[in-house]
């Protein structure tokens, strides 16, 4: 079964997490990360996924985290930027991100990501 959602918060709730063993994250029509639901929520490997996870509401109002607000506009799919489509909004962007589109690769068992810097970044998840 496939679950399509625009609200990642609902994926972390028991309702859909039980129904969906894997999550795929897309940005402007491109797959940027795919993993088991729990692994993706706890250890995201793509900066866009990290930003999405920062928006997931926390069940304890005393537990606050900083929301990552993405600057700039979402890329136009009919006229995407060169390189990585996310680079104009990415706070970790380097020159390689502008010049070359990243390849999807498996960095951990069953955890795939399309980001030049995924190995070196320590991104925050939910939890």
Protein backbone atom coordinates (compact mmCIF):
# COMPACT_ATOMS: atom_id res chain seq x y z
CA UNK A 1 0.00 0.00 0.00
CA UNK A 2 1.22 3.49 -0.82
CA UNK A 3 0.30 6.52 1.27
CA UNK A 4 0.65 9.96 -0.31
CA UNK A 5 0.69 12.87 2.11
CA UNK A 6 1.68 16.51 2.08
CA UNK A 7 1.72 16.65 5.88
CA UNK A 8 4.69 14.71 7.27
CA UNK A 9 3.27 15.14 10.77
CA UNK A 10 0.53 12.66 9.98
CA UNK A 11 3.15 10.09 8.94
CA UNK A 12 4.72 10.19 12.39
CA UNK A 13 1.40 9.63 14.12
CA UNK A 14 0.51 6.04 14.89
CA UNK A 15 -2.27 6.01 12.29
CA UNK A 16 -0.20 6.22 9.13
CA UNK A 17 3.16 5.09 10.51
CA UNK A 18 1.66 1.65 11.03
CA UNK A 19 0.29 1.61 7.48
CA UNK A 20 3.46 2.89 5.81
CA UNK A 21 6.73 1.05 6.43
CA UNK A 22 8.73 3.29 4.07
CA UNK A 23 8.63 6.99 3.29
CA UNK A 24 9.81 8.73 0.13
CA UNK A 25 10.45 12.48 0.18
CA UNK A 26 10.20 14.44 -3.07
CA UNK A 27 11.20 17.99 -3.93
CA UNK A 28 9.97 19.55 -7.19
CA UNK A 29 9.11 16.13 -8.60
CA UNK A 30 12.46 14.50 -7.75
CA UNK A 31 12.98 11.81 -5.15
CA UNK A 32 15.48 13.14 -2.60
CA UNK A 33 15.27 10.56 0.20
CA UNK A 34 13.68 7.18 0.88
CA UNK A 35 13.91 5.00 3.99
CA UNK A 36 11.96 3.11 6.59
CA UNK A 37 9.60 5.54 8.32
CA UNK A 38 11.30 5.49 11.72
CA UNK A 39 14.82 5.83 10.27
CA UNK A 40 13.80 8.78 8.12
CA UNK A 41 12.12 10.59 11.03
CA UNK A 42 15.00 10.03 13.47
CA UNK A 43 18.00 10.33 11.10
CA UNK A 44 17.15 12.31 7.96
CA UNK A 45 19.97 12.49 5.42
CA UNK A 46 18.67 15.23 3.09
CA UNK A 47 18.44 18.92 4.10
CA UNK A 48 14.89 19.18 2.74
CA UNK A 49 13.81 16.23 4.90
CA UNK A 50 15.44 17.90 7.91
CA UNK A 51 13.39 21.04 7.24
CA UNK A 52 10.20 18.97 6.95
CA UNK A 53 10.97 17.18 10.23
CA UNK A 54 11.46 20.52 12.00
CA UNK A 55 7.83 21.35 11.19
CA UNK A 56 6.39 18.20 12.79
CA UNK A 57 4.49 19.17 15.98
CA UNK A 58 5.92 17.81 19.21
CA UNK A 59 3.50 16.08 21.62
CA UNK A 60 5.05 17.83 24.65
CA UNK A 61 4.61 21.65 24.48
CA UNK A 62 7.65 22.08 26.77
CA UNK A 63 9.83 20.28 24.22
CA UNK A 64 10.69 22.98 21.71
CA UNK A 65 12.84 22.70 18.66
CA UNK A 66 13.88 25.31 16.16
CA UNK A 67 11.85 25.34 13.00
CA UNK A 68 13.92 25.50 9.84
CA UNK A 69 12.35 28.13 7.61
CA UNK A 70 13.44 27.70 4.02
CA UNK A 71 14.37 30.94 2.29
CA UNK A 72 13.53 31.65 -1.34
CA UNK A 73 10.99 30.25 -3.72
CA UNK A 74 10.23 26.65 -4.65
CA UNK A 75 11.92 25.84 -7.97
CA UNK A 76 9.80 25.97 -11.11
CA UNK A 77 9.57 22.39 -12.44
CA UNK A 78 9.32 23.70 -16.02
CA UNK A 79 12.55 25.68 -15.56
CA UNK A 80 14.50 24.03 -12.70
CA UNK A 81 17.85 25.34 -11.48
CA UNK A 82 21.06 23.65 -12.57
CA UNK A 83 22.53 20.96 -10.34
CA UNK A 84 20.51 19.99 -7.30
CA UNK A 85 16.98 21.41 -7.52
CA UNK A 86 17.07 22.21 -3.79
CA UNK A 87 20.36 24.17 -3.83
CA UNK A 88 18.81 27.69 -4.00
CA UNK A 89 17.04 27.05 -0.67
CA UNK A 90 19.64 24.83 1.03
CA UNK A 91 21.58 26.23 3.95
CA UNK A 92 24.34 23.65 3.38
CA UNK A 93 24.80 24.41 -0.34
CA UNK A 94 28.28 24.38 -1.89
CA UNK A 95 29.45 25.02 -5.44
CA UNK A 96 29.12 21.34 -6.43
CA UNK A 97 25.41 21.55 -5.62
CA UNK A 98 24.93 24.28 -8.24
CA UNK A 99 27.00 22.53 -10.89
CA UNK A 100 25.97 18.87 -10.71
CA UNK A 101 22.79 17.04 -9.83
CA UNK A 102 23.36 14.46 -7.06
CA UNK A 103 22.86 10.76 -7.66
CA UNK A 104 20.50 8.68 -5.52
CA UNK A 105 22.60 6.31 -3.42
CA UNK A 106 22.21 3.99 -0.45
CA UNK A 107 24.15 5.40 2.53
CA UNK A 108 22.71 3.09 5.16
CA UNK A 109 20.95 -0.22 4.61
CA UNK A 110 17.62 0.63 2.99
CA UNK A 111 18.20 4.39 3.36
CA UNK A 112 18.65 6.19 0.04
CA UNK A 113 19.47 9.87 -0.47
CA UNK A 114 20.24 12.26 -3.29
CA UNK A 115 22.60 14.84 -1.73
CA UNK A 116 26.27 15.59 -2.38
CA UNK A 117 26.92 16.30 1.30
CA UNK A 118 24.84 13.59 2.99
CA UNK A 119 27.84 11.74 4.45
CA UNK A 120 29.22 14.81 6.23
CA UNK A 121 26.05 16.49 7.48
CA UNK A 122 24.62 15.81 10.94
CA UNK A 123 20.94 16.59 10.39
CA UNK A 124 18.25 16.78 13.05
CA UNK A 125 15.22 14.57 13.00
CA UNK A 126 12.17 14.15 15.19
CA UNK A 127 12.76 12.62 18.57
